[in-house]
Amino acid sequence: MTDLLVAVLATITLIAVACLVGRKRQAQGRAQAFEAPETVRRLYLRKDAETGAYWLHAEMKNGRKFCIAPPWELRDMLARLEPVGLRLSVEERAELARASVPAAGASAAVGARSATALR
């Protein structure tokens, strides 16, 4: 029983440390983007395969890459980066716009399937 408790505590500690390191790295990337925007080579989006949500990343001129915004902060972060001269490429903005607008037939098809299922 003691071995199980030690293993659980070690796992929880490892996860907590990983979260703290990740947050520190994200804060470091954000700070660098705002304080020295000239060091940012590009902003880009990465799509999560499971959820389809986009995460905002920054690649620095020294080759380092940072995740600087999760999906729920994406629009706010892009708006905050605009005044310092950082923005997504035209292609990335178009992809984000396409992802934000639901397909025209998608909701109608779901509604039609739901109505058929109720009959």
Foldseek 3Di string as FASTA:
>chain_A
DVVVVVVVVVVVVVVVVVVVVLVVQLVVQLCCCVVPVVQWPAKAWDADPPPRATFIKTAGPVGDIHGHGGRVCVVVSQVVSVVVPHHHDPVRVVVVVVVVDDDPCPVVVVVVVVVVVVD
